[in-house]
Amino acid sequence: MHTTLECQTLFNEFVEFISHKNNIHVGEIKKNTPTKDIDDKVRELEISYENDSSILIKVPGHRPIPYDCRHLGFRDSQTRAWKFFIEVVSSNDHQFNFGPAYEYYSEGTRKKRAKIKHYDARWKLCDEVCKRLRKFFAKEFGWVFPKDYKLYERNLLGPEGERRFKFQISNPNSFKTNPAVEDNFSELEELDLLSEIQKFQKEYMLNQESEDDIPVELFAALKVGQEKFGWSESHFKEMIGWPEKYEEEIVYEEKIVAK
């Protein structure tokens, strides 16, 4: 019987042998190894509609962050792929169904079938959305996906052909801010807005153990900062403690947001 150490040594030697034989570095093998429990991580994500050009993404234990369609890899909000995605996210049931692939008709005594015109085109849009989201998740969270991993699945309880995304999709109104609150912050100069944010931020950081979402006032103020003064998403994340990578912790420090 080999000891655990001997088995590990033999495994390392095997990997080194395969690497040299195929001219592949061990680090490259590890880099391409799918993230552990990747499917569970995807299912833990919570996404919500914010507006026609951006969504909110929330990971367990952290507050939602807004992402513009361009940050997610789409050219703009007018692309067909983005419109398809936002249509699903903003719908009531968050499901999608492209219907049957073929229609059947009779020609004399024979039955024939013809491909439905837009069926393949709709699936191409769905695949394009999944491709861009996987790339974004890989960059943002450091995730490595298995080859041909799909971000959607069949809805076993729904009609035939109905699909849904694996990540959670919240009610479109879940994370929306109060327009009146935003209007109040919009009247402030940048330094005054920062002062208000720091006040709400201190209250928020004192309640980090709370399961509640980011306070409406803080979220609204940060949103105004992004829209009015061009604050970056990285500054937004620093303010509410969003991790740079999914499993990393960020130590909170008060920083002045730069333009």
C-alpha atoms as a PDB file:
ATOM      1  CA  MET A   1       0.000   0.000   0.000  1.00  0.00           C
ATOM      2  CA  HIS A   2       1.296   3.445  -0.888  1.00  0.00           C
ATOM      3  CA  THR A   3       1.121   6.179   1.710  1.00  0.00           C
ATOM      4  CA  THR A   4      -0.723   9.417   0.954  1.00  0.00           C
ATOM      5  CA  LEU A   5       2.586  11.211   0.489  1.00  0.00           C
ATOM      6  CA  GLU A   6       3.840   8.565  -1.933  1.00  0.00           C
ATOM      7  CA  CYS A   7       0.589   8.771  -3.923  1.00  0.00           C
ATOM      8  CA  GLN A   8       0.859  12.550  -4.120  1.00  0.00           C
ATOM      9  CA  THR A   9       4.465  12.295  -5.265  1.00  0.00           C
ATOM     10  CA  LEU A  10       3.539   9.775  -7.968  1.00  0.00           C
ATOM     11  CA  PHE A  11       0.687  12.023  -9.123  1.00  0.00           C
ATOM     12  CA  ASN A  12       2.970  15.068  -9.334  1.00  0.00           C
ATOM     13  CA  GLU A  13       5.516  13.062 -11.330  1.00  0.00           C
ATOM     14  CA  PHE A  14       2.749  11.914 -13.680  1.00  0.00           C
ATOM     15  CA  VAL A  15       1.544  15.489 -14.229  1.00  0.00           C
ATOM     16  CA  GLU A  16       5.117  16.662 -14.872  1.00  0.00           C
ATOM     17  CA  PHE A  17       5.589  13.817 -17.382  1.00  0.00           C
ATOM     18  CA  ILE A  18       2.367  14.610 -19.246  1.00  0.00           C
ATOM     19  CA  SER A  19       3.201  18.318 -19.199  1.00  0.00           C
ATOM     20  CA  HIS A  20       6.645  17.841 -20.746  1.00  0.00           C
ATOM     21  CA  LYS A  21       5.360  15.307 -23.246  1.00  0.00           C
ATOM     22  CA  ASN A  22       2.665  17.676 -24.483  1.00  0.00           C
ATOM     23  CA  ASN A  23       4.703  20.846 -23.910  1.00  0.00           C
ATOM     24  CA  ILE A  24       2.142  22.073 -21.318  1.00  0.00           C
ATOM     25  CA  HIS A  25       3.040  23.750 -18.040  1.00  0.00           C
ATOM     26  CA  VAL A  26       1.479  22.530 -14.788  1.00  0.00           C
ATOM     27  CA  GLY A  27       0.215  26.051 -14.108  1.00  0.00           C
ATOM     28  CA  GLU A  28      -1.633  25.983 -17.420  1.00  0.00           C
ATOM     29  CA  ILE A  29      -3.311  22.696 -16.460  1.00  0.00           C
ATOM     30  CA  LYS A  30      -4.481  24.193 -13.166  1.00  0.00           C
ATOM     31  CA  LYS A  31      -5.636  27.351 -14.948  1.00  0.00           C
ATOM     32  CA  ASN A  32      -7.916  25.304 -17.187  1.00  0.00           C
ATOM     33  CA  THR A  33      -9.289  23.155 -14.376  1.00  0.00           C
ATOM     34  CA  PRO A  34     -12.983  24.031 -13.788  1.00  0.00           C
ATOM     35  CA  THR A  35     -13.733  25.883 -10.572  1.00  0.00           C
ATOM     36  CA  LYS A  36     -14.923  23.586  -7.796  1.00  0.00           C
ATOM     37  CA  ASP A  37     -18.717  23.584  -7.362  1.00  0.00           C
ATOM     38  CA  ILE A  38     -19.039  25.999 -10.274  1.00  0.00           C
ATOM     39  CA  ASP A  39     -22.673  25.067 -10.879  1.00  0.00           C
ATOM     40  CA  ASP A  40     -23.567  25.855  -7.259  1.00  0.00           C
ATOM     41  CA  LYS A  41     -21.801  29.217  -7.508  1.00  0.00           C
ATOM     42  CA  VAL A  42     -23.773  30.132 -10.614  1.00  0.00           C
ATOM     43  CA  ARG A  43     -27.052  29.176  -8.924  1.00  0.00           C
ATOM     44  CA  GLU A  44     -26.211  31.354  -5.912  1.00  0.00           C
ATOM     45  CA  LEU A  45     -25.928  34.493  -8.035  1.00  0.00           C
ATOM     46  CA  GLU A  46     -28.895  36.849  -7.950  1.00  0.00           C
ATOM     47  CA  ILE A  47     -29.551  39.108 -10.916  1.00  0.00           C
ATOM     48  CA  SER A  48     -32.166  41.825 -11.219  1.00  0.00           C
ATOM     49  CA  TYR A  49     -33.306  44.253 -13.899  1.00  0.00           C
ATOM     50  CA  GLU A  50     -32.274  47.856 -13.223  1.00  0.00           C
ATOM     51  CA  ASN A  51     -33.060  49.536 -16.547  1.00  0.00           C
ATOM     52  CA  ASP A  52     -32.868  48.762 -20.260  1.00  0.00           C
ATOM     53  CA  SER A  53     -29.081  49.123 -20.311  1.00  0.00           C
ATOM     54  CA  SER A  54     -27.969  47.670 -16.964  1.00  0.00           C
ATOM     55  CA  ILE A  55     -28.631  44.936 -14.416  1.00  0.00           C
ATOM     56  CA  LEU A  56     -27.805  44.399 -10.743  1.00  0.00           C
ATOM     57  CA  ILE A  57     -25.716  41.416  -9.647  1.00  0.00           C
ATOM     58  CA  LYS A  58     -25.656  40.170  -6.065  1.00  0.00           C
ATOM     59  CA  VAL A  59     -23.494  37.381  -4.604  1.00  0.00           C
ATOM     60  CA  PRO A  60     -24.317  35.732  -1.262  1.00  0.00           C
ATOM     61  CA  GLY A  61     -23.333  37.859   1.711  1.00  0.00           C
ATOM     62  CA  HIS A  62     -22.792  41.008  -0.358  1.00  0.00           C
ATOM     63  CA  ARG A  63     -24.865  43.851  -1.721  1.00  0.00           C
ATOM     64  CA  PRO A  64     -26.066  44.233  -5.323  1.00  0.00           C
ATOM     65  CA  ILE A  65     -23.831  46.076  -7.785  1.00  0.00           C
ATOM     66  CA  PRO A  66     -25.050  47.687 -11.038  1.00  0.00           C
ATOM     67  CA  TYR A  67     -23.355  46.654 -14.282  1.00  0.00           C
ATOM     68  CA  ASP A  68     -23.790  48.393 -17.605  1.00  0.00           C
ATOM     69  CA  CYS A  69     -24.321  46.205 -20.681  1.00  0.00           C
ATOM     70  CA  ARG A  70     -20.918  47.257 -22.037  1.00  0.00           C
ATOM     71  CA  HIS A  71     -19.174  46.144 -18.846  1.00  0.00           C
ATOM     72  CA  LEU A  72     -20.828  42.758 -19.369  1.00  0.00           C
ATOM     73  CA  GLY A  73     -19.323  42.520 -22.846  1.00  0.00           C
ATOM     74  CA  PHE A  74     -22.183  43.717 -25.055  1.00  0.00           C
ATOM     75  CA  ARG A  75     -21.561  46.465 -27.603  1.00  0.00           C
ATOM     76  CA  ASP A  76     -24.545  48.513 -26.432  1.00  0.00           C
ATOM     77  CA  SER A  77     -28.119  48.157 -25.231  1.00  0.00           C
ATOM     78  CA  GLN A  78     -29.444  47.984 -28.799  1.00  0.00           C
ATOM     79  CA  THR A  79     -27.816  44.665 -29.695  1.00  0.00           C
ATOM     80  CA  ARG A  80     -30.276  41.826 -30.271  1.00  0.00           C
ATOM     81  CA  ALA A  81     -28.525  39.566 -27.759  1.00  0.00           C
ATOM     82  CA  TRP A  82     -28.774  42.166 -24.979  1.00  0.00           C
ATOM     83  CA  LYS A  83     -32.419  42.891 -25.801  1.00  0.00           C
ATOM     84  CA  PHE A  84     -33.207  39.187 -25.559  1.00  0.00           C
ATOM     85  CA  PHE A  85     -31.447  38.924 -22.190  1.00  0.00           C
ATOM     86  CA  ILE A  86     -33.075  42.024 -20.695  1.00  0.00           C
ATOM     87  CA  GLU A  87     -36.457  40.793 -21.953  1.00  0.00           C
ATOM     88  CA  VAL A  88     -36.039  37.597 -19.919  1.00  0.00           C
ATOM     89  CA  VAL A  89     -34.671  39.349 -16.832  1.00  0.00           C
ATOM     90  CA  SER A  90     -37.470  41.939 -16.777  1.00  0.00           C
ATOM     91  CA  SER A  91     -40.303  39.488 -17.474  1.00  0.00           C
ATOM     92  CA  ASN A  92     -42.679  38.223 -14.806  1.00  0.00           C
ATOM     93  CA  ASP A  93     -41.636  34.555 -14.882  1.00  0.00           C
ATOM     94  CA  HIS A  94     -38.037  34.946 -16.229  1.00  0.00           C
ATOM     95  CA  GLN A  95     -38.494  31.939 -18.525  1.00  0.00           C
ATOM     96  CA  PHE A  96     -37.952  31.695 -22.274  1.00  0.00           C
ATOM     97  CA  ASN A  97     -39.360  29.350 -24.871  1.00  0.00           C
ATOM     98  CA  PHE A  98     -38.559  29.367 -28.575  1.00  0.00           C
ATOM     99  CA  GLY A  99     -41.318  26.927 -29.411  1.00  0.00           C
ATOM    100  CA  PRO A 100     -40.944  23.960 -31.795  1.00  0.00           C
ATOM    101  CA  ALA A 101     -38.125  23.836 -34.296  1.00  0.00           C
ATOM    102  CA  TYR A 102     -40.319  22.572 -37.131  1.00  0.00           C
ATOM    103  CA  GLU A 103     -43.815  23.026 -38.458  1.00  0.00           C
ATOM    104  CA  TYR A 104     -45.571  20.151 -40.196  1.00  0.00           C
ATOM    105  CA  TYR A 105     -47.820  20.279 -43.234  1.00  0.00           C
ATOM    106  CA  SER A 106     -49.420  17.931 -45.715  1.00  0.00           C
ATOM    107  CA  GLU A 107     -48.547  17.749 -49.367  1.00  0.00           C
ATOM    108  CA  GLY A 108     -50.893  15.381 -51.046  1.00  0.00           C
ATOM    109  CA  THR A 109     -50.807  12.138 -49.095  1.00  0.00           C
ATOM    110  CA  ARG A 110     -47.424  12.885 -47.591  1.00  0.00           C
ATOM    111  CA  LYS A 111     -46.604  14.804 -44.425  1.00  0.00           C
ATOM    112  CA  LYS A 112     -43.626  17.143 -44.551  1.00  0.00           C
ATOM    113  CA  ARG A 113     -41.857  19.463 -42.153  1.00  0.00           C
ATOM    114  CA  ALA A 114     -40.150  22.825 -42.506  1.00  0.00           C
ATOM    115  CA  LYS A 115     -37.807  24.608 -40.132  1.00  0.00           C
ATOM    116  CA  ILE A 116     -39.476  27.537 -38.391  1.00  0.00           C
ATOM    117  CA  LYS A 117     -37.872  30.727 -39.651  1.00  0.00           C
ATOM    118  CA  HIS A 118     -36.525  32.387 -36.492  1.00  0.00           C
ATOM    119  CA  TYR A 119     -35.893  29.303 -34.323  1.00  0.00           C
ATOM    120  CA  ASP A 120     -32.124  29.007 -34.891  1.00  0.00           C
ATOM    121  CA  ALA A 121     -31.676  32.791 -34.792  1.00  0.00           C
ATOM    122  CA  ARG A 122     -33.232  32.961 -31.313  1.00  0.00           C
ATOM    123  CA  TRP A 123     -30.980  30.201 -30.034  1.00  0.00           C
ATOM    124  CA  LYS A 124     -27.949  32.022 -31.419  1.00  0.00           C
ATOM    125  CA  LEU A 125     -28.923  35.066 -29.353  1.00  0.00           C
ATOM    126  CA  CYS A 126     -29.202  32.899 -26.240  1.00  0.00           C
ATOM    127  CA  ASP A 127     -25.804  31.305 -26.883  1.00  0.00           C
ATOM    128  CA  GLU A 128     -24.288  34.754 -27.420  1.00  0.00           C
ATOM    129  CA  VAL A 129     -25.649  35.944 -24.063  1.00  0.00           C
ATOM    130  CA  CYS A 130     -24.252  32.881 -22.287  1.00  0.00           C
ATOM    131  CA  LYS A 131     -20.867  33.316 -23.957  1.00  0.00           C
ATOM    132  CA  ARG A 132     -20.545  36.937 -22.826  1.00  0.00           C
ATOM    133  CA  LEU A 133     -21.788  36.241 -19.299  1.00  0.00           C
ATOM    134  CA  ARG A 134     -19.359  33.326 -18.843  1.00  0.00           C
ATOM    135  CA  LYS A 135     -16.517  35.579 -19.954  1.00  0.00           C
ATOM    136  CA  PHE A 136     -17.649  38.293 -17.528  1.00  0.00           C
ATOM    137  CA  PHE A 137     -17.989  35.838 -14.613  1.00  0.00           C
ATOM    138  CA  ALA A 138     -14.518  34.470 -15.375  1.00  0.00           C
ATOM    139  CA  LYS A 139     -13.003  37.961 -15.306  1.00  0.00           C
ATOM    140  CA  GLU A 140     -14.995  39.282 -12.333  1.00  0.00           C
ATOM    141  CA  PHE A 141     -14.957  36.213 -10.070  1.00  0.00           C
ATOM    142  CA  GLY A 142     -12.032  34.188 -11.411  1.00  0.00           C
ATOM    143  CA  TRP A 143     -14.295  31.285 -12.363  1.00  0.00           C
ATOM    144  CA  VAL A 144     -13.234  28.601 -14.832  1.00  0.00           C
ATOM    145  CA  PHE A 145     -16.127  26.870 -16.600  1.00  0.00           C
ATOM    146  CA  PRO A 146     -16.172  23.319 -17.985  1.00  0.00           C
ATOM    147  CA  LYS A 147     -16.206  23.113 -21.754  1.00  0.00           C
ATOM    148  CA  ASP A 148     -19.684  23.635 -23.212  1.00  0.00           C
ATOM    149  CA  TYR A 149     -21.122  24.624 -19.803  1.00  0.00           C
ATOM    150  CA  LYS A 150     -24.608  26.082 -20.217  1.00  0.00           C
ATOM    151  CA  LEU A 151     -25.997  28.883 -18.061  1.00  0.00           C
ATOM    152  CA  TYR A 152     -29.558  27.741 -18.729  1.00  0.00           C
ATOM    153  CA  GLU A 153     -31.572  24.557 -18.189  1.00  0.00           C
ATOM    154  CA  ARG A 154     -34.966  23.045 -18.936  1.00  0.00           C
ATOM    155  CA  ASN A 155     -37.821  24.081 -16.701  1.00  0.00           C
ATOM    156  CA  LEU A 156     -39.088  20.624 -15.791  1.00  0.00           C
ATOM    157  CA  LEU A 157     -42.298  22.021 -14.288  1.00  0.00           C
ATOM    158  CA  GLY A 158     -43.084  24.279 -17.231  1.00  0.00           C
ATOM    159  CA  PRO A 159     -44.435  23.729 -20.751  1.00  0.00           C
ATOM    160  CA  GLU A 160     -42.457  21.681 -23.234  1.00  0.00           C
ATOM    161  CA  GLY A 161     -39.424  23.575 -24.519  1.00  0.00           C
ATOM    162  CA  GLU A 162     -39.373  26.136 -21.707  1.00  0.00           C
ATOM    163  CA  ARG A 163     -35.958  27.121 -20.357  1.00  0.00           C
ATOM    164  CA  ARG A 164     -34.623  29.324 -17.592  1.00  0.00           C
ATOM    165  CA  PHE A 165     -31.228  30.628 -16.548  1.00  0.00           C
ATOM    166  CA  LYS A 166     -29.533  28.796 -13.695  1.00  0.00           C
ATOM    167  CA  PHE A 167     -28.788  31.941 -11.704  1.00  0.00           C
ATOM    168  CA  GLN A 168     -31.581  33.489  -9.662  1.00  0.00           C
ATOM    169  CA  ILE A 169     -33.516  36.358 -11.206  1.00  0.00           C
ATOM    170  CA  SER A 170     -35.206  38.689  -8.758  1.00  0.00           C
ATOM    171  CA  ASN A 171     -38.285  40.803  -9.224  1.00  0.00           C
ATOM    172  CA  PRO A 172     -37.403  43.748 -11.482  1.00  0.00           C
ATOM    173  CA  ASN A 173     -38.345  46.155  -8.690  1.00  0.00           C
ATOM    174  CA  SER A 174     -36.345  44.438  -5.936  1.00  0.00           C
ATOM    175  CA  PHE A 175     -33.315  46.737  -6.014  1.00  0.00           C
ATOM    176  CA  LYS A 176     -34.776  49.891  -7.544  1.00  0.00           C
ATOM    177  CA  THR A 177     -34.236  53.120  -5.704  1.00  0.00           C
ATOM    178  CA  ASN A 178     -36.765  55.818  -4.942  1.00  0.00           C
ATOM    179  CA  PRO A 179     -36.595  58.512  -7.673  1.00  0.00           C
ATOM    180  CA  ALA A 180     -37.372  61.189  -5.079  1.00  0.00           C
ATOM    181  CA  VAL A 181     -34.346  60.113  -3.024  1.00  0.00           C
ATOM    182  CA  GLU A 182     -32.138  60.229  -6.129  1.00  0.00           C
ATOM    183  CA  ASP A 183     -33.429  63.702  -6.987  1.00  0.00           C
ATOM    184  CA  ASN A 184     -32.384  65.000  -3.557  1.00  0.00           C
ATOM    185  CA  PHE A 185     -28.847  63.689  -4.039  1.00  0.00           C
ATOM    186  CA  SER A 186     -28.687  64.989  -7.621  1.00  0.00           C
ATOM    187  CA  GLU A 187     -28.833  68.556  -6.303  1.00  0.00           C
ATOM    188  CA  LEU A 188     -25.635  68.111  -4.280  1.00  0.00           C
ATOM    189  CA  GLU A 189     -22.107  69.005  -5.360  1.00  0.00           C
ATOM    190  CA  GLU A 190     -19.608  66.149  -5.435  1.00  0.00           C
ATOM    191  CA  LEU A 191     -17.987  66.849  -2.042  1.00  0.00           C
ATOM    192  CA  ASP A 192     -21.391  67.221  -0.384  1.00  0.00           C
ATOM    193  CA  LEU A 193     -22.521  63.960  -1.958  1.00  0.00           C
ATOM    194  CA  LEU A 194     -19.374  62.248  -0.647  1.00  0.00           C
ATOM    195  CA  SER A 195     -20.119  63.580   2.823  1.00  0.00           C
ATOM    196  CA  GLU A 196     -23.624  62.089   2.717  1.00  0.00           C
ATOM    197  CA  ILE A 197     -22.270  58.771   1.410  1.00  0.00           C
ATOM    198  CA  GLN A 198     -19.717  58.528   4.210  1.00  0.00           C
ATOM    199  CA  LYS A 199     -22.472  59.083   6.755  1.00  0.00           C
ATOM    200  CA  PHE A 200     -24.631  56.289   5.355  1.00  0.00           C
ATOM    201  CA  GLN A 201     -21.563  54.161   4.781  1.00  0.00           C
ATOM    202  CA  LYS A 202     -20.499  54.254   8.429  1.00  0.00           C
ATOM    203  CA  GLU A 203     -23.979  53.192   9.501  1.00  0.00           C
ATOM    204  CA  TYR A 204     -23.917  50.404   6.936  1.00  0.00           C
ATOM    205  CA  MET A 205     -20.470  49.113   7.930  1.00  0.00           C
ATOM    206  CA  LEU A 206     -21.576  48.926  11.578  1.00  0.00           C
ATOM    207  CA  ASN A 207     -24.248  46.449  10.495  1.00  0.00           C
ATOM    208  CA  GLN A 208     -22.192  44.135   8.300  1.00  0.00           C
ATOM    209  CA  GLU A 209     -23.669  41.072   9.973  1.00  0.00           C
ATOM    210  CA  SER A 210     -27.139  42.096   8.845  1.00  0.00           C
ATOM    211  CA  GLU A 211     -28.651  40.132   5.969  1.00  0.00           C
ATOM    212  CA  ASP A 212     -30.427  43.235   4.681  1.00  0.00           C
ATOM    213  CA  ASP A 213     -29.550  44.716   1.304  1.00  0.00           C
ATOM    214  CA  ILE A 214     -27.576  47.909   0.954  1.00  0.00           C
ATOM    215  CA  PRO A 215     -29.590  50.861   2.411  1.00  0.00           C
ATOM    216  CA  VAL A 216     -31.724  52.634  -0.170  1.00  0.00           C
ATOM    217  CA  GLU A 217     -30.141  56.004   0.577  1.00  0.00           C
ATOM    218  CA  LEU A 218     -26.574  54.740   0.167  1.00  0.00           C
ATOM    219  CA  PHE A 219     -27.405  52.905  -3.036  1.00  0.00           C
ATOM    220  CA  ALA A 220     -29.203  55.953  -4.466  1.00  0.00           C
ATOM    221  CA  ALA A 221     -26.323  58.290  -3.566  1.00  0.00           C
ATOM    222  CA  LEU A 222     -23.746  56.010  -5.176  1.00  0.00           C
ATOM    223  CA  LYS A 223     -25.895  55.700  -8.270  1.00  0.00           C
ATOM    224  CA  VAL A 224     -26.087  59.485  -8.573  1.00  0.00           C
ATOM    225  CA  GLY A 225     -22.301  59.639  -8.190  1.00  0.00           C
ATOM    226  CA  GLN A 226     -21.911  57.238 -11.105  1.00  0.00           C
ATOM    227  CA  GLU A 227     -24.362  59.062 -13.351  1.00  0.00           C
ATOM    228  CA  LYS A 228     -23.554  62.687 -12.463  1.00  0.00           C
ATOM    229  CA  PHE A 229     -19.822  62.593 -11.682  1.00  0.00           C
ATOM    230  CA  GLY A 230     -18.710  59.517 -13.618  1.00  0.00           C
ATOM    231  CA  TRP A 231     -17.587  57.425 -10.638  1.00  0.00           C
ATOM    232  CA  SER A 232     -16.350  54.032 -11.728  1.00  0.00           C
ATOM    233  CA  GLU A 233     -17.834  50.673 -10.729  1.00  0.00           C
ATOM    234  CA  SER A 234     -14.645  49.909  -8.776  1.00  0.00           C
ATOM    235  CA  HIS A 235     -15.312  52.933  -6.551  1.00  0.00           C
ATOM    236  CA  PHE A 236     -18.882  51.767  -6.086  1.00  0.00           C
ATOM    237  CA  LYS A 237     -17.611  48.351  -4.960  1.00  0.00           C
ATOM    238  CA  GLU A 238     -15.091  49.819  -2.536  1.00  0.00           C
ATOM    239  CA  MET A 239     -17.849  51.806  -0.863  1.00  0.00           C
ATOM    240  CA  ILE A 240     -19.980  48.764  -0.060  1.00  0.00           C
ATOM    241  CA  GLY A 241     -17.319  46.078   0.363  1.00  0.00           C
ATOM    242  CA  TRP A 242     -17.870  44.096  -2.869  1.00  0.00           C
ATOM    243  CA  PRO A 243     -15.146  41.436  -3.335  1.00  0.00           C
ATOM    244  CA  GLU A 244     -12.766  41.735  -6.290  1.00  0.00           C
ATOM    245  CA  LYS A 245     -13.024  37.993  -6.629  1.00  0.00           C
ATOM    246  CA  TYR A 246     -15.884  35.866  -5.395  1.00  0.00           C
ATOM    247  CA  GLU A 247     -13.968  34.170  -2.566  1.00  0.00           C
ATOM    248  CA  GLU A 248     -11.720  37.050  -1.525  1.00  0.00           C
ATOM    249  CA  GLU A 249     -12.310  39.400   1.395  1.00  0.00           C
ATOM    250  CA  ILE A 250     -11.837  43.151   1.039  1.00  0.00           C
ATOM    251  CA  VAL A 251     -10.666  45.103   4.040  1.00  0.00           C
ATOM    252  CA  TYR A 252     -12.722  48.264   4.274  1.00  0.00           C
ATOM    253  CA  GLU A 253     -10.891  51.580   4.084  1.00  0.00           C
ATOM    254  CA  GLU A 254     -12.396  55.016   3.699  1.00  0.00           C
ATOM    255  CA  LYS A 255     -11.286  56.466   0.376  1.00  0.00           C
ATOM    256  CA  ILE A 256     -12.157  59.650  -1.442  1.00  0.00           C
ATOM    257  CA  VAL A 257     -13.831  58.844  -4.718  1.00  0.00           C
ATOM    258  CA  ALA A 258     -11.962  60.377  -7.635  1.00  0.00           C
ATOM    259  CA  LYS A 259     -13.487  61.376 -10.913  1.00  0.00           C
END
